[in-house]
């Protein structure tokens, strides 16, 4: 399988992701951008491609994002007892 990257980046009006196909639409929240990137990733699996989701840290490094279930609880909170 080919490994490709999908980077979640901030925009002036929200968040988007960059993939090998270009930039996604801008989403109003980080969470929506990650969910859209995960959907894109699932569509790439059919093409025998593994997608690595990354985000930029404050020093400009691209770091792999853990699973969405690790980041967000079923109630929509951060998974940290409501603390951001």
PDB file of N, CA and C in Angstrom:
ATOM      1  N   UNK A   1       0.839  -1.186   0.000  1.00  0.00           N
ATOM      2  CA  UNK A   1       0.000   0.000   0.000  1.00  0.00           C
ATOM      3  C   UNK A   1       0.878   1.242   0.000  1.00  0.00           C
ATOM      4  N   UNK A   2       0.393   2.248  -0.695  1.00  0.00           N
ATOM      5  CA  UNK A   2       1.072   3.528  -0.741  1.00  0.00           C
ATOM      6  C   UNK A   2       0.626   4.370   0.440  1.00  0.00           C
ATOM      7  N   UNK A   3       1.573   5.057   1.068  1.00  0.00           N
ATOM      8  CA  UNK A   3       1.256   5.927   2.194  1.00  0.00           C
ATOM      9  C   UNK A   3       1.243   7.375   1.713  1.00  0.00           C
ATOM     10  N   UNK A   4       0.149   8.084   1.973  1.00  0.00           N
ATOM     11  CA  UNK A   4       0.023   9.488   1.605  1.00  0.00           C
ATOM     12  C   UNK A   4      -0.323  10.288   2.859  1.00  0.00           C
ATOM     13  N   UNK A   5      -0.059  11.581   2.811  1.00  0.00           N
ATOM     14  CA  UNK A   5      -0.301  12.444   3.961  1.00  0.00           C
ATOM     15  C   UNK A   5      -1.493  13.349   3.721  1.00  0.00           C
ATOM     16  N   UNK A   6      -2.209  13.649   4.779  1.00  0.00           N
ATOM     17  CA  UNK A   6      -3.351  14.545   4.763  1.00  0.00           C
ATOM     18  C   UNK A   6      -3.140  15.475   5.958  1.00  0.00           C
ATOM     19  N   UNK A   7      -2.847  16.737   5.671  1.00  0.00           N
ATOM     20  CA  UNK A   7      -2.478  17.684   6.722  1.00  0.00           C
ATOM     21  C   UNK A   7      -3.634  18.622   7.059  1.00  0.00           C
ATOM     22  N   UNK A   8      -3.985  18.700   8.347  1.00  0.00           N
ATOM     23  CA  UNK A   8      -5.013  19.602   8.837  1.00  0.00           C
ATOM     24  C   UNK A   8      -4.321  20.931   9.143  1.00  0.00           C
ATOM     25  N   UNK A   9      -4.800  22.003   8.516  1.00  0.00           N
ATOM     26  CA  UNK A   9      -4.149  23.304   8.716  1.00  0.00           C
ATOM     27  C   UNK A   9      -5.190  24.383   8.993  1.00  0.00           C
ATOM     28  N   UNK A  10      -4.790  25.412   9.767  1.00  0.00           N
ATOM     29  CA  UNK A  10      -5.716  26.518  10.029  1.00  0.00           C
ATOM     30  C   UNK A  10      -5.819  27.444   8.826  1.00  0.00           C
ATOM     31  N   UNK A  11      -6.971  28.035   8.684  1.00  0.00           N
ATOM     32  CA  UNK A  11      -7.228  29.048   7.665  1.00  0.00           C
ATOM     33  C   UNK A  11      -7.805  30.270   8.373  1.00  0.00           C
ATOM     34  N   UNK A  12      -7.894  31.383   7.700  1.00  0.00           N
ATOM     35  CA  UNK A  12      -8.424  32.608   8.308  1.00  0.00           C
ATOM     36  C   UNK A  12      -9.860  32.421   8.808  1.00  0.00           C
ATOM     37  N   UNK A  13     -10.644  31.587   8.114  1.00  0.00           N
ATOM     38  CA  UNK A  13     -12.046  31.416   8.496  1.00  0.00           C
ATOM     39  C   UNK A  13     -12.371  30.025   9.018  1.00  0.00           C
ATOM     40  N   UNK A  14     -11.369  29.239   9.394  1.00  0.00           N
ATOM     41  CA  UNK A  14     -11.618  27.899   9.928  1.00  0.00           C
ATOM     42  C   UNK A  14     -10.442  26.975   9.707  1.00  0.00           C
ATOM     43  N   UNK A  15     -10.754  25.734   9.317  1.00  0.00           N
ATOM     44  CA  UNK A  15      -9.741  24.688   9.134  1.00  0.00           C
ATOM     45  C   UNK A  15      -9.990  23.963   7.819  1.00  0.00           C
ATOM     46  N   UNK A  16      -8.922  23.467   7.198  1.00  0.00           N
ATOM     47  CA  UNK A  16      -9.058  22.645   5.998  1.00  0.00           C
ATOM     48  C   UNK A  16      -8.008  21.539   6.065  1.00  0.00           C
ATOM     49  N   UNK A  17      -8.038  20.648   5.087  1.00  0.00           N
ATOM     50  CA  UNK A  17      -6.967  19.660   5.002  1.00  0.00           C
ATOM     51  C   UNK A  17      -6.376  19.691   3.606  1.00  0.00           C
ATOM     52  N   UNK A  18      -5.097  19.400   3.538  1.00  0.00           N
ATOM     53  CA  UNK A  18      -4.381  19.318   2.275  1.00  0.00           C
ATOM     54  C   UNK A  18      -4.079  17.858   2.004  1.00  0.00           C
ATOM     55  N   UNK A  19      -4.388  17.422   0.792  1.00  0.00           N
ATOM     56  CA  UNK A  19      -4.108  16.049   0.393  1.00  0.00           C
ATOM     57  C   UNK A  19      -3.404  16.079  -0.948  1.00  0.00           C
ATOM     58  N   UNK A  20      -3.122  14.915  -1.483  1.00  0.00           N
ATOM     59  CA  UNK A  20      -2.472  14.858  -2.792  1.00  0.00           C
ATOM     60  C   UNK A  20      -3.369  15.416  -3.894  1.00  0.00           C
ATOM     61  N   UNK A  21      -4.661  15.517  -3.621  1.00  0.00           N
ATOM     62  CA  UNK A  21      -5.608  16.054  -4.594  1.00  0.00           C
ATOM     63  C   UNK A  21      -5.822  17.556  -4.447  1.00  0.00           C
ATOM     64  N   UNK A  22      -5.211  18.172  -3.442  1.00  0.00           N
ATOM     65  CA  UNK A  22      -5.339  19.608  -3.241  1.00  0.00           C
ATOM     66  C   UNK A  22      -5.964  19.944  -1.900  1.00  0.00           C
ATOM     67  N   UNK A  23      -6.471  21.161  -1.808  1.00  0.00           N
ATOM     68  CA  UNK A  23      -7.044  21.663  -0.563  1.00  0.00           C
ATOM     69  C   UNK A  23      -8.545  21.371  -0.505  1.00  0.00           C
ATOM     70  N   UNK A  24      -9.002  21.006   0.678  1.00  0.00           N
ATOM     71  CA  UNK A  24     -10.431  20.765   0.904  1.00  0.00           C
ATOM     72  C   UNK A  24     -11.145  22.104   1.085  1.00  0.00           C
ATOM     73  N   UNK A  25     -12.473  22.069   1.145  1.00  0.00           N
ATOM     74  CA  UNK A  25     -13.192  23.281   1.554  1.00  0.00           C
ATOM     75  C   UNK A  25     -12.785  23.651   2.985  1.00  0.00           C
ATOM     76  N   UNK A  26     -13.046  24.876   3.383  1.00  0.00           N
ATOM     77  CA  UNK A  26     -12.740  25.318   4.748  1.00  0.00           C
ATOM     78  C   UNK A  26     -13.921  24.955   5.644  1.00  0.00           C
ATOM     79  N   UNK A  27     -13.616  24.335   6.792  1.00  0.00           N
ATOM     80  CA  UNK A  27     -14.614  23.929   7.772  1.00  0.00           C
ATOM     81  C   UNK A  27     -14.559  24.879   8.955  1.00  0.00           C
ATOM     82  N   UNK A  28     -15.691  25.158   9.600  1.00  0.00           N
ATOM     83  CA  UNK A  28     -15.701  26.135  10.690  1.00  0.00           C
ATOM     84  C   UNK A  28     -15.001  25.672  11.971  1.00  0.00           C
ATOM     85  N   UNK A  29     -14.739  24.364  12.096  1.00  0.00           N
ATOM     86  CA  UNK A  29     -14.070  23.878  13.309  1.00  0.00           C
ATOM     87  C   UNK A  29     -13.014  22.829  12.960  1.00  0.00           C
ATOM     88  N   UNK A  30     -12.085  22.690  13.872  1.00  0.00           N
ATOM     89  CA  UNK A  30     -11.028  21.685  13.724  1.00  0.00           C
ATOM     90  C   UNK A  30     -11.645  20.297  13.633  1.00  0.00           C
ATOM     91  N   UNK A  31     -12.603  20.033  14.496  1.00  0.00           N
ATOM     92  CA  UNK A  31     -13.218  18.706  14.536  1.00  0.00           C
ATOM     93  C   UNK A  31     -13.859  18.338  13.194  1.00  0.00           C
ATOM     94  N   UNK A  32     -14.574  19.275  12.573  1.00  0.00           N
ATOM     95  CA  UNK A  32     -15.201  18.996  11.288  1.00  0.00           C
ATOM     96  C   UNK A  32     -14.156  18.740  10.204  1.00  0.00           C
ATOM     97  N   UNK A  33     -13.048  19.458  10.259  1.00  0.00           N
ATOM     98  CA  UNK A  33     -11.979  19.240   9.282  1.00  0.00           C
ATOM     99  C   UNK A  33     -11.363  17.855   9.454  1.00  0.00           C
ATOM    100  N   UNK A  34     -11.158  17.435  10.701  1.00  0.00           N
ATOM    101  CA  UNK A  34     -10.604  16.095  10.962  1.00  0.00           C
ATOM    102  C   UNK A  34     -11.582  15.023  10.501  1.00  0.00           C
ATOM    103  N   UNK A  35     -12.864  15.201  10.775  1.00  0.00           N
ATOM    104  CA  UNK A  35     -13.856  14.210  10.341  1.00  0.00           C
ATOM    105  C   UNK A  35     -13.898  14.118   8.812  1.00  0.00           C
ATOM    106  N   UNK A  36     -13.810  15.257   8.135  1.00  0.00           N
ATOM    107  CA  UNK A  36     -13.791  15.253   6.670  1.00  0.00           C
ATOM    108  C   UNK A  36     -12.527  14.572   6.149  1.00  0.00           C
ATOM    109  N   UNK A  37     -11.404  14.824   6.810  1.00  0.00           N
ATOM    110  CA  UNK A  37     -10.147  14.190   6.410  1.00  0.00           C
ATOM    111  C   UNK A  37     -10.207  12.685   6.623  1.00  0.00           C
ATOM    112  N   UNK A  38     -10.862  12.253   7.689  1.00  0.00           N
ATOM    113  CA  UNK A  38     -11.030  10.815   7.929  1.00  0.00           C
ATOM    114  C   UNK A  38     -11.905  10.194   6.840  1.00  0.00           C
ATOM    115  N   UNK A  39     -12.952  10.892   6.425  1.00  0.00           N
ATOM    116  CA  UNK A  39     -13.787  10.407   5.323  1.00  0.00           C
ATOM    117  C   UNK A  39     -12.997  10.300   4.037  1.00  0.00           C
ATOM    118  N   UNK A  40     -12.164  11.288   3.768  1.00  0.00           N
ATOM    119  CA  UNK A  40     -11.288  11.250   2.603  1.00  0.00           C
ATOM    120  C   UNK A  40     -10.341  10.055   2.707  1.00  0.00           C
ATOM    121  N   UNK A  41      -9.796   9.837   3.886  1.00  0.00           N
ATOM    122  CA  UNK A  41      -8.876   8.722   4.123  1.00  0.00           C
ATOM    123  C   UNK A  41      -9.549   7.385   3.818  1.00  0.00           C
ATOM    124  N   UNK A  42     -10.801   7.234   4.244  1.00  0.00           N
ATOM    125  CA  UNK A  42     -11.528   5.985   3.991  1.00  0.00           C
ATOM    126  C   UNK A  42     -11.748   5.773   2.497  1.00  0.00           C
ATOM    127  N   UNK A  43     -11.969   6.852   1.753  1.00  0.00           N
ATOM    128  CA  UNK A  43     -12.155   6.710   0.310  1.00  0.00           C
ATOM    129  C   UNK A  43     -10.853   6.305  -0.383  1.00  0.00           C
ATOM    130  N   UNK A  44      -9.725   6.681   0.197  1.00  0.00           N
ATOM    131  CA  UNK A  44      -8.437   6.323  -0.381  1.00  0.00           C
ATOM    132  C   UNK A  44      -8.077   4.864  -0.117  1.00  0.00           C
ATOM    133  N   UNK A  45      -8.659   4.272   0.917  1.00  0.00           N
ATOM    134  CA  UNK A  45      -8.383   2.869   1.239  1.00  0.00           C
ATOM    135  C   UNK A  45      -8.791   1.963   0.081  1.00  0.00           C
ATOM    136  N   UNK A  46      -9.856   2.346  -0.630  1.00  0.00           N
ATOM    137  CA  UNK A  46     -10.301   1.559  -1.778  1.00  0.00           C
ATOM    138  C   UNK A  46      -9.277   1.600  -2.909  1.00  0.00           C
ATOM    139  N   UNK A  47      -8.451   2.639  -2.908  1.00  0.00           N
ATOM    140  CA  UNK A  47      -7.398   2.776  -3.929  1.00  0.00           C
ATOM    141  C   UNK A  47      -6.072   2.193  -3.443  1.00  0.00           C
ATOM    142  N   UNK A  48      -6.145   1.435  -2.352  1.00  0.00           N
ATOM    143  CA  UNK A  48      -4.968   0.796  -1.756  1.00  0.00           C
ATOM    144  C   UNK A  48      -3.933   1.826  -1.313  1.00  0.00           C
ATOM    145  N   UNK A  49      -4.432   2.898  -0.680  1.00  0.00           N
ATOM    146  CA  UNK A  49      -3.565   3.931  -0.139  1.00  0.00           C
ATOM    147  C   UNK A  49      -3.850   4.083   1.338  1.00  0.00           C
ATOM    148  N   UNK A  50      -2.809   4.181   2.136  1.00  0.00           N
ATOM    149  CA  UNK A  50      -2.940   4.435   3.555  1.00  0.00           C
ATOM    150  C   UNK A  50      -2.689   5.916   3.780  1.00  0.00           C
ATOM    151  N   UNK A  51      -3.625   6.577   4.443  1.00  0.00           N
ATOM    152  CA  UNK A  51      -3.501   8.011   4.678  1.00  0.00           C
ATOM    153  C   UNK A  51      -3.078   8.268   6.114  1.00  0.00           C
ATOM    154  N   UNK A  52      -2.073   9.116   6.281  1.00  0.00           N
ATOM    155  CA  UNK A  52      -1.599   9.537   7.591  1.00  0.00           C
ATOM    156  C   UNK A  52      -2.111  10.956   7.817  1.00  0.00           C
ATOM    157  N   UNK A  53      -2.940  11.146   8.852  1.00  0.00           N
ATOM    158  CA  UNK A  53      -3.442  12.472   9.183  1.00  0.00           C
ATOM    159  C   UNK A  53      -2.438  13.168  10.091  1.00  0.00           C
ATOM    160  N   UNK A  54      -2.130  14.426   9.735  1.00  0.00           N
ATOM    161  CA  UNK A  54      -1.167  15.192  10.526  1.00  0.00           C
ATOM    162  C   UNK A  54      -1.715  16.589  10.788  1.00  0.00           C
ATOM    163  N   UNK A  55      -1.153  17.230  11.809  1.00  0.00           N
ATOM    164  CA  UNK A  55      -1.446  18.632  12.082  1.00  0.00           C
ATOM    165  C   UNK A  55      -0.142  19.328  12.426  1.00  0.00           C
ATOM    166  N   UNK A  56      -0.110  20.625  12.220  1.00  0.00           N
ATOM    167  CA  UNK A  56       1.095  21.390  12.471  1.00  0.00           C
ATOM    168  C   UNK A  56       1.123  21.847  13.919  1.00  0.00           C
ATOM    169  N   UNK A  57       2.272  21.665  14.585  1.00  0.00           N
ATOM    170  CA  UNK A  57       2.386  22.149  15.951  1.00  0.00           C
ATOM    171  C   UNK A  57       2.867  23.604  15.938  1.00  0.00           C
ATOM    172  N   UNK A  58       3.040  24.182  17.113  1.00  0.00           N
ATOM    173  CA  UNK A  58       3.411  25.587  17.211  1.00  0.00           C
ATOM    174  C   UNK A  58       4.812  25.886  16.695  1.00  0.00           C
ATOM    175  N   UNK A  59       5.638  24.870  16.544  1.00  0.00           N
ATOM    176  CA  UNK A  59       6.991  25.063  16.015  1.00  0.00           C
ATOM    177  C   UNK A  59       7.073  24.759  14.527  1.00  0.00           C
ATOM    178  N   UNK A  60       5.932  24.492  13.900  1.00  0.00           N
ATOM    179  CA  UNK A  60       5.893  24.243  12.467  1.00  0.00           C
ATOM    180  C   UNK A  60       6.100  22.794  12.053  1.00  0.00           C
ATOM    181  N   UNK A  61       6.265  21.891  13.017  1.00  0.00           N
ATOM    182  CA  UNK A  61       6.448  20.477  12.693  1.00  0.00           C
ATOM    183  C   UNK A  61       5.095  19.833  12.431  1.00  0.00           C
ATOM    184  N   UNK A  62       5.073  18.860  11.530  1.00  0.00           N
ATOM    185  CA  UNK A  62       3.847  18.124  11.249  1.00  0.00           C
ATOM    186  C   UNK A  62       3.838  16.860  12.108  1.00  0.00           C
ATOM    187  N   UNK A  63       2.834  16.723  12.958  1.00  0.00           N
ATOM    188  CA  UNK A  63       2.715  15.592  13.871  1.00  0.00           C
ATOM    189  C   UNK A  63       1.490  14.768  13.527  1.00  0.00           C
ATOM    190  N   UNK A  64       1.632  13.454  13.621  1.00  0.00           N
ATOM    191  CA  UNK A  64       0.518  12.560  13.328  1.00  0.00           C
ATOM    192  C   UNK A  64      -0.587  12.736  14.366  1.00  0.00           C
ATOM    193  N   UNK A  65      -1.830  12.723  13.897  1.00  0.00           N
ATOM    194  CA  UNK A  65      -3.000  12.862  14.761  1.00  0.00           C
ATOM    195  C   UNK A  65      -3.415  11.480  15.225  1.00  0.00           C
ATOM    196  N   UNK A  66      -3.726  11.346  16.525  1.00  0.00           N
ATOM    197  CA  UNK A  66      -4.240  10.088  17.044  1.00  0.00           C
ATOM    198  C   UNK A  66      -5.668   9.888  16.576  1.00  0.00           C
ATOM    199  N   UNK A  67      -6.267   8.781  16.929  1.00  0.00           N
ATOM    200  CA  UNK A  67      -7.626   8.476  16.507  1.00  0.00           C
ATOM    201  C   UNK A  67      -8.620   9.520  16.979  1.00  0.00           C
ATOM    202  N   UNK A  68      -9.643   9.767  16.194  1.00  0.00           N
ATOM    203  CA  UNK A  68     -10.673  10.738  16.554  1.00  0.00           C
ATOM    204  C   UNK A  68     -11.345  10.336  17.861  1.00  0.00           C
ATOM    205  N   UNK A  69     -11.449   9.055  18.125  1.00  0.00           N
ATOM    206  CA  UNK A  69     -12.064   8.610  19.369  1.00  0.00           C
ATOM    207  C   UNK A  69     -11.195   8.938  20.570  1.00  0.00           C
ATOM    208  N   UNK A  70      -9.886   9.072  20.361  1.00  0.00           N
ATOM    209  CA  UNK A  70      -9.009   9.471  21.447  1.00  0.00           C
ATOM    210  C   UNK A  70      -9.169  10.950  21.743  1.00  0.00           C
ATOM    211  N   UNK A  71      -9.469  11.741  20.711  1.00  0.00           N
ATOM    212  CA  UNK A  71      -9.543  13.181  20.857  1.00  0.00           C
ATOM    213  C   UNK A  71     -10.906  13.670  21.326  1.00  0.00           C
ATOM    214  N   UNK A  72     -11.973  12.973  20.918  1.00  0.00           N
ATOM    215  CA  UNK A  72     -13.323  13.440  21.202  1.00  0.00           C
ATOM    216  C   UNK A  72     -14.155  12.325  21.798  1.00  0.00           C
ATOM    217  N   UNK A  73     -14.870  12.625  22.846  1.00  0.00           N
ATOM    218  CA  UNK A  73     -15.759  11.660  23.449  1.00  0.00           C
ATOM    219  C   UNK A  73     -17.066  11.584  22.687  1.00  0.00           C
ATOM    220  N   UNK A  74     -17.902  10.622  23.015  1.00  0.00           N
ATOM    221  CA  UNK A  74     -19.179  10.442  22.332  1.00  0.00           C
ATOM    222  C   UNK A  74     -20.127  11.619  22.571  1.00  0.00           C
ATOM    223  N   UNK A  75     -19.884  12.394  23.633  1.00  0.00           N
ATOM    224  CA  UNK A  75     -20.723  13.545  23.925  1.00  0.00           C
ATOM    225  C   UNK A  75     -20.251  14.818  23.222  1.00  0.00           C
ATOM    226  N   UNK A  76     -19.197  14.682  22.385  1.00  0.00           N
ATOM    227  CA  UNK A  76     -18.695  15.833  21.652  1.00  0.00           C
ATOM    228  C   UNK A  76     -17.663  16.634  22.434  1.00  0.00           C
ATOM    229  N   UNK A  77     -17.370  16.213  23.642  1.00  0.00           N
ATOM    230  CA  UNK A  77     -16.371  16.928  24.444  1.00  0.00           C
ATOM    231  C   UNK A  77     -14.989  16.410  24.075  1.00  0.00           C
ATOM    232  N   UNK A  78     -13.972  16.982  24.660  1.00  0.00           N
ATOM    233  CA  UNK A  78     -12.606  16.682  24.278  1.00  0.00           C
ATOM    234  C   UNK A  78     -12.096  15.344  24.782  1.00  0.00           C
ATOM    235  N   UNK A  79     -12.838  14.652  25.561  1.00  0.00           N
ATOM    236  CA  UNK A  79     -12.358  13.390  26.102  1.00  0.00           C
ATOM    237  C   UNK A  79     -11.525  13.589  27.367  1.00  0.00           C
ATOM    238  N   UNK A  80     -11.483  14.841  27.827  1.00  0.00           N
ATOM    239  CA  UNK A  80     -10.702  15.184  29.018  1.00  0.00           C
ATOM    240  C   UNK A  80     -11.637  15.756  30.077  1.00  0.00           C
ATOM    241  N   UNK A  81     -12.775  15.111  30.272  1.00  0.00           N
ATOM    242  CA  UNK A  81     -13.791  15.551  31.248  1.00  0.00           C
ATOM    243  C   UNK A  81     -14.275  16.961  30.963  1.00  0.00           C
ATOM    244  N   UNK A  82     -14.369  17.290  29.657  1.00  0.00           N
ATOM    245  CA  UNK A  82     -14.882  18.595  29.270  1.00  0.00           C
ATOM    246  C   UNK A  82     -13.849  19.690  29.225  1.00  0.00           C
ATOM    247  N   UNK A  83     -12.624  19.384  29.604  1.00  0.00           N
ATOM    248  CA  UNK A  83     -11.573  20.409  29.575  1.00  0.00           C
ATOM    249  C   UNK A  83     -10.932  20.412  28.198  1.00  0.00           C
ATOM    250  N   UNK A  84     -10.658  21.578  27.669  1.00  0.00           N
ATOM    251  CA  UNK A  84      -9.991  21.692  26.376  1.00  0.00           C
ATOM    252  C   UNK A  84      -8.506  21.524  26.523  1.00  0.00           C
TER     253      UNK A  84
END
